[in-house]
Amino acid sequence: QVQLVESGGGVVQAGGSLRLTCEASGRSVSDYSMDWFRRKPGNQAREWVAQIMKSSNVTHYAGSVKGRFTISRDDPKNTVYLQMNNLQPDETAVYYCCFALPPDCWGQGTQVTVSS
């Protein structure tokens, strides 16, 4: 059974930081590029945030988070991370990870709330 379990969300003040964790089971993240997405309140569309490629670990970011967010992976732990710095209130959202290319999402996400 494939699972992606996100954790690490919470309430943080504007300018603060959080580190999100995505633990996989049922598949090896080493076999996949991995994405982080977010879904903001009242918005049905998901927003792509970051991607890390398999093998090469090359990373890609949405323009709005570039320079503040860092995606990383620990293949032996079957885990992907998203370090988020200088968070802003409009980044309040449910954040979730997916197997990439194409996006294949199995988790419920973790809530990040940024207060002003």
N, C-alpha and C. Protein backbone atom coordinates (compact mmCIF):
# COMPACT_ATOMS: atom_id res chain seq x y z
N GLN A 1 0.84 -1.19 0.00
CA GLN A 1 0.00 0.00 0.00
C GLN A 1 0.88 1.24 0.00
N VAL A 2 0.64 2.11 -0.97
CA VAL A 2 1.44 3.32 -1.10
C VAL A 2 0.90 4.38 -0.14
N GLN A 3 1.81 5.02 0.57
CA GLN A 3 1.43 6.12 1.46
C GLN A 3 2.49 7.20 1.40
N LEU A 4 2.03 8.43 1.51
CA LEU A 4 2.89 9.59 1.72
C LEU A 4 2.32 10.31 2.92
N VAL A 5 3.11 10.44 3.96
CA VAL A 5 2.64 11.06 5.19
C VAL A 5 3.44 12.33 5.45
N GLU A 6 2.74 13.45 5.38
CA GLU A 6 3.37 14.74 5.60
C GLU A 6 3.23 15.16 7.05
N SER A 7 4.25 15.83 7.56
CA SER A 7 4.21 16.34 8.92
C SER A 7 5.09 17.57 9.03
N GLY A 8 5.02 18.23 10.17
CA GLY A 8 5.87 19.40 10.40
C GLY A 8 5.17 20.73 10.27
N GLY A 9 3.91 20.69 9.87
CA GLY A 9 3.18 21.95 9.76
C GLY A 9 2.84 22.52 11.13
N GLY A 10 2.27 23.69 11.12
CA GLY A 10 1.90 24.33 12.37
C GLY A 10 1.61 25.80 12.16
N VAL A 11 1.58 26.53 13.26
CA VAL A 11 1.32 27.97 13.21
C VAL A 11 2.64 28.69 13.44
N VAL A 12 2.95 29.62 12.58
CA VAL A 12 4.20 30.38 12.68
C VAL A 12 3.91 31.84 12.36
N GLN A 13 4.66 32.72 12.96
CA GLN A 13 4.50 34.14 12.64
C GLN A 13 5.18 34.46 11.32
N ALA A 14 4.72 35.52 10.70
CA ALA A 14 5.34 35.98 9.46
C ALA A 14 6.83 36.17 9.67
N GLY A 15 7.60 35.68 8.72
CA GLY A 15 9.04 35.72 8.83
C GLY A 15 9.65 34.49 9.45
N GLY A 16 8.81 33.62 9.96
CA GLY A 16 9.29 32.41 10.61
C GLY A 16 9.60 31.29 9.64
N SER A 17 10.00 30.17 10.21
CA SER A 17 10.43 29.01 9.41
C SER A 17 9.75 27.74 9.90
N LEU A 18 9.59 26.83 8.97
CA LEU A 18 9.12 25.48 9.28
C LEU A 18 9.85 24.50 8.38
N ARG A 19 9.99 23.28 8.87
CA ARG A 19 10.55 22.21 8.06
C ARG A 19 9.52 21.11 7.94
N LEU A 20 9.07 20.87 6.74
CA LEU A 20 8.08 19.82 6.50
C LEU A 20 8.78 18.52 6.13
N THR A 21 8.17 17.42 6.53
CA THR A 21 8.69 16.09 6.25
C THR A 21 7.64 15.28 5.52
N CYS A 22 8.07 14.51 4.56
CA CYS A 22 7.19 13.61 3.81
C CYS A 22 7.82 12.22 3.85
N GLU A 23 7.15 11.32 4.55
CA GLU A 23 7.66 9.95 4.68
C GLU A 23 6.85 9.03 3.75
N ALA A 24 7.55 8.29 2.93
CA ALA A 24 6.90 7.40 1.97
C ALA A 24 6.97 5.95 2.46
N SER A 25 5.95 5.22 2.07
CA SER A 25 5.96 3.77 2.25
C SER A 25 5.27 3.14 1.06
N GLY A 26 5.64 1.91 0.77
CA GLY A 26 5.05 1.23 -0.36
C GLY A 26 5.75 1.48 -1.68
N ARG A 27 6.57 2.52 -1.74
CA ARG A 27 7.42 2.84 -2.89
C ARG A 27 8.70 3.46 -2.37
N SER A 28 9.73 3.36 -3.17
CA SER A 28 11.00 3.99 -2.81
C SER A 28 11.10 5.35 -3.47
N VAL A 29 11.29 6.39 -2.67
CA VAL A 29 11.41 7.72 -3.26
C VAL A 29 12.64 7.82 -4.16
N SER A 30 13.61 6.93 -3.94
CA SER A 30 14.80 6.96 -4.79
C SER A 30 14.48 6.65 -6.25
N ASP A 31 13.33 6.04 -6.49
CA ASP A 31 12.93 5.72 -7.85
C ASP A 31 12.18 6.86 -8.54
N TYR A 32 11.97 7.97 -7.82
CA TYR A 32 11.11 9.03 -8.32
C TYR A 32 11.71 10.41 -8.11
N SER A 33 11.38 11.30 -9.02
CA SER A 33 11.46 12.72 -8.69
C SER A 33 10.26 12.99 -7.78
N MET A 34 10.41 14.00 -6.92
CA MET A 34 9.38 14.29 -5.93
C MET A 34 9.00 15.76 -5.97
N ASP A 35 7.72 16.02 -5.77
CA ASP A 35 7.18 17.39 -5.76
C ASP A 35 6.60 17.73 -4.39
N TRP A 36 6.63 19.02 -4.08
CA TRP A 36 5.77 19.58 -3.04
C TRP A 36 4.77 20.52 -3.71
N PHE A 37 3.53 20.41 -3.26
CA PHE A 37 2.47 21.30 -3.70
C PHE A 37 1.85 21.96 -2.47
N ARG A 38 1.03 22.98 -2.70
CA ARG A 38 0.22 23.55 -1.64
C ARG A 38 -1.15 23.92 -2.20
N ARG A 39 -2.11 23.90 -1.31
CA ARG A 39 -3.46 24.32 -1.66
C ARG A 39 -3.91 25.34 -0.64
N LYS A 40 -4.13 26.56 -1.11
CA LYS A 40 -4.49 27.65 -0.22
C LYS A 40 -5.97 27.63 0.10
N PRO A 41 -6.37 28.26 1.21
CA PRO A 41 -7.79 28.27 1.61
C PRO A 41 -8.66 28.85 0.51
N GLY A 42 -9.79 28.21 0.25
CA GLY A 42 -10.72 28.71 -0.74
C GLY A 42 -10.28 28.52 -2.17
N ASN A 43 -9.18 27.80 -2.36
CA ASN A 43 -8.67 27.61 -3.72
C ASN A 43 -8.64 26.11 -4.02
N GLN A 44 -9.39 25.69 -4.99
CA GLN A 44 -9.41 24.27 -5.31
C GLN A 44 -8.17 23.83 -6.07
N ALA A 45 -7.53 24.78 -6.74
CA ALA A 45 -6.37 24.43 -7.54
C ALA A 45 -5.15 24.29 -6.65
N ARG A 46 -4.34 23.29 -6.93
CA ARG A 46 -3.10 23.17 -6.19
C ARG A 46 -2.03 24.00 -6.89
N GLU A 47 -1.10 24.42 -6.10
CA GLU A 47 0.01 25.23 -6.59
C GLU A 47 1.30 24.45 -6.41
N TRP A 48 2.03 24.26 -7.50
CA TRP A 48 3.31 23.58 -7.42
C TRP A 48 4.31 24.47 -6.71
N VAL A 49 5.11 23.88 -5.82
CA VAL A 49 6.05 24.66 -5.02
C VAL A 49 7.49 24.32 -5.36
N ALA A 50 7.81 23.02 -5.39
CA ALA A 50 9.21 22.64 -5.58
C ALA A 50 9.30 21.21 -6.07
N GLN A 51 10.43 20.91 -6.70
CA GLN A 51 10.68 19.56 -7.21
C GLN A 51 12.14 19.20 -7.01
N ILE A 52 12.38 17.94 -6.69
CA ILE A 52 13.75 17.43 -6.63
C ILE A 52 13.80 16.19 -7.52
N MET A 53 14.79 16.18 -8.41
CA MET A 53 14.90 15.11 -9.38
C MET A 53 15.53 13.89 -8.75
N LYS A 54 15.14 12.72 -9.22
CA LYS A 54 15.77 11.49 -8.74
C LYS A 54 17.20 11.43 -9.28
N SER A 55 18.03 10.76 -8.59
CA SER A 55 19.43 10.51 -8.94
C SER A 55 20.29 11.78 -8.90
N SER A 56 19.92 12.79 -9.69
CA SER A 56 20.77 13.98 -9.78
C SER A 56 20.56 14.94 -8.62
N ASN A 57 19.39 14.88 -7.98
CA ASN A 57 19.03 15.82 -6.92
C ASN A 57 19.00 17.27 -7.39
N VAL A 58 18.87 17.47 -8.67
CA VAL A 58 18.65 18.82 -9.18
C VAL A 58 17.30 19.30 -8.66
N THR A 59 17.22 20.56 -8.26
CA THR A 59 16.00 21.10 -7.68
C THR A 59 15.42 22.22 -8.55
N HIS A 60 14.13 22.38 -8.47
CA HIS A 60 13.41 23.43 -9.18
C HIS A 60 12.40 24.03 -8.22
N TYR A 61 12.16 25.34 -8.36
CA TYR A 61 11.26 26.04 -7.45
C TYR A 61 10.33 26.97 -8.20
N ALA A 62 9.14 27.13 -7.64
CA ALA A 62 8.26 28.19 -8.11
C ALA A 62 8.93 29.53 -7.81
N GLY A 63 8.69 30.49 -8.69
CA GLY A 63 9.34 31.78 -8.52
C GLY A 63 9.04 32.44 -7.19
N SER A 64 7.85 32.21 -6.67
CA SER A 64 7.44 32.87 -5.43
C SER A 64 8.18 32.36 -4.20
N VAL A 65 8.78 31.18 -4.29
CA VAL A 65 9.45 30.61 -3.12
C VAL A 65 10.96 30.49 -3.31
N LYS A 66 11.43 30.75 -4.50
CA LYS A 66 12.85 30.58 -4.79
C LYS A 66 13.68 31.46 -3.89
N GLY A 67 14.70 30.89 -3.30
CA GLY A 67 15.56 31.62 -2.39
C GLY A 67 15.13 31.53 -0.94
N ARG A 68 13.90 31.06 -0.71
CA ARG A 68 13.40 30.94 0.67
C ARG A 68 13.10 29.49 1.06
N PHE A 69 12.70 28.68 0.10
CA PHE A 69 12.38 27.27 0.36
C PHE A 69 13.49 26.39 -0.20
N THR A 70 13.71 25.27 0.48
CA THR A 70 14.69 24.29 0.02
C THR A 70 14.10 22.90 0.11
N ILE A 71 14.07 22.20 -1.01
CA ILE A 71 13.62 20.81 -1.03
C ILE A 71 14.85 19.91 -0.97
N SER A 72 14.73 18.83 -0.23
CA SER A 72 15.83 17.87 -0.12
C SER A 72 15.25 16.48 0.06
N ARG A 73 16.11 15.50 -0.04
CA ARG A 73 15.65 14.12 0.09
C ARG A 73 16.68 13.30 0.85
N ASP A 74 16.20 12.28 1.53
CA ASP A 74 17.05 11.31 2.21
C ASP A 74 16.55 9.95 1.76
N ASP A 75 17.14 9.43 0.70
CA ASP A 75 16.63 8.19 0.11
C ASP A 75 16.69 7.01 1.08
N PRO A 76 17.77 6.84 1.85
CA PRO A 76 17.76 5.70 2.81
C PRO A 76 16.61 5.78 3.81
N LYS A 77 16.17 7.00 4.14
CA LYS A 77 15.05 7.15 5.06
C LYS A 77 13.72 7.20 4.32
N ASN A 78 13.77 7.14 2.99
CA ASN A 78 12.56 7.20 2.17
C ASN A 78 11.74 8.45 2.49
N THR A 79 12.43 9.56 2.59
CA THR A 79 11.84 10.81 3.08
C THR A 79 12.27 11.99 2.23
N VAL A 80 11.35 12.93 2.09
CA VAL A 80 11.61 14.19 1.39
C VAL A 80 11.27 15.33 2.36
N TYR A 81 12.01 16.41 2.26
CA TYR A 81 11.83 17.53 3.17
C TYR A 81 11.56 18.81 2.39
N LEU A 82 10.95 19.76 3.08
CA LEU A 82 10.80 21.11 2.54
C LEU A 82 11.09 22.09 3.68
N GLN A 83 12.24 22.74 3.58
CA GLN A 83 12.60 23.79 4.53
C GLN A 83 12.03 25.10 4.01
N MET A 84 11.24 25.76 4.85
CA MET A 84 10.57 26.99 4.42
C MET A 84 11.00 28.12 5.35
N ASN A 85 11.59 29.14 4.80
CA ASN A 85 12.05 30.28 5.58
C ASN A 85 11.31 31.54 5.16
N ASN A 86 11.28 32.50 6.06
CA ASN A 86 10.63 33.79 5.79
C ASN A 86 9.21 33.60 5.26
N LEU A 87 8.45 32.80 5.96
CA LEU A 87 7.08 32.52 5.54
C LEU A 87 6.22 33.77 5.65
N GLN A 88 5.26 33.89 4.74
CA GLN A 88 4.36 35.03 4.69
C GLN A 88 2.92 34.57 4.86
N PRO A 89 2.05 35.47 5.36
CA PRO A 89 0.66 35.06 5.61
C PRO A 89 -0.06 34.47 4.40
N ASP A 90 0.27 34.94 3.21
CA ASP A 90 -0.43 34.40 2.04
C ASP A 90 0.08 33.02 1.65
N GLU A 91 1.00 32.47 2.43
CA GLU A 91 1.47 31.12 2.19
C GLU A 91 0.79 30.11 3.11
N THR A 92 -0.19 30.60 3.84
CA THR A 92 -1.04 29.68 4.60
C THR A 92 -1.71 28.72 3.64
N ALA A 93 -1.55 27.42 3.91
CA ALA A 93 -2.04 26.41 2.96
C ALA A 93 -1.85 25.03 3.57
N VAL A 94 -2.44 24.06 2.92
CA VAL A 94 -2.11 22.66 3.18
C VAL A 94 -1.00 22.30 2.20
N TYR A 95 0.09 21.82 2.73
CA TYR A 95 1.24 21.43 1.92
C TYR A 95 1.29 19.91 1.84
N TYR A 96 1.53 19.42 0.64
CA TYR A 96 1.61 17.97 0.50
C TYR A 96 2.64 17.59 -0.57
N CYS A 97 3.14 16.40 -0.45
CA CYS A 97 4.16 15.92 -1.38
C CYS A 97 3.55 14.88 -2.30
N CYS A 98 4.18 14.72 -3.43
CA CYS A 98 3.72 13.78 -4.45
C CYS A 98 4.91 13.16 -5.15
N PHE A 99 4.73 11.97 -5.66
CA PHE A 99 5.66 11.44 -6.65
C PHE A 99 5.45 12.28 -7.90
N ALA A 100 6.54 12.59 -8.59
CA ALA A 100 6.47 13.55 -9.69
C ALA A 100 6.53 12.90 -11.05
N LEU A 101 6.16 13.68 -12.05
CA LEU A 101 6.35 13.37 -13.45
C LEU A 101 5.67 12.08 -13.91
N PRO A 102 4.31 12.07 -13.91
CA PRO A 102 3.40 13.17 -13.53
C PRO A 102 3.11 13.13 -12.03
N PRO A 103 2.49 14.19 -11.50
CA PRO A 103 2.19 14.19 -10.06
C PRO A 103 1.26 13.04 -9.68
N ASP A 104 1.65 12.31 -8.64
CA ASP A 104 0.91 11.15 -8.15
C ASP A 104 0.89 11.30 -6.63
N CYS A 105 -0.27 11.75 -6.13
CA CYS A 105 -0.33 12.22 -4.75
C CYS A 105 -1.13 11.26 -3.88
N TRP A 106 -0.56 10.93 -2.72
CA TRP A 106 -1.17 9.92 -1.86
C TRP A 106 -1.44 10.44 -0.45
N GLY A 107 -0.93 11.61 -0.11
CA GLY A 107 -1.03 12.06 1.27
C GLY A 107 -2.17 13.03 1.51
N GLN A 108 -2.41 13.33 2.77
CA GLN A 108 -3.46 14.27 3.18
C GLN A 108 -2.91 15.67 3.37
N GLY A 109 -1.60 15.79 3.45
CA GLY A 109 -1.00 17.09 3.63
C GLY A 109 -0.84 17.48 5.08
N THR A 110 -0.14 18.59 5.27
CA THR A 110 0.06 19.15 6.60
C THR A 110 -0.27 20.64 6.54
N GLN A 111 -1.01 21.11 7.53
CA GLN A 111 -1.48 22.50 7.53
C GLN A 111 -0.38 23.44 7.99
N VAL A 112 -0.14 24.46 7.22
CA VAL A 112 0.79 25.54 7.60
C VAL A 112 -0.03 26.82 7.69
N THR A 113 0.02 27.45 8.84
CA THR A 113 -0.69 28.70 9.06
C THR A 113 0.32 29.77 9.45
N VAL A 114 0.36 30.84 8.68
CA VAL A 114 1.30 31.93 8.92
C VAL A 114 0.50 33.14 9.39
N SER A 115 0.76 33.57 10.60
CA SER A 115 0.02 34.71 11.15
C SER A 115 0.79 36.00 10.92
N SER A 116 0.05 37.06 10.78
CA SER A 116 0.68 38.37 10.51
C SER A 116 1.00 39.11 11.79
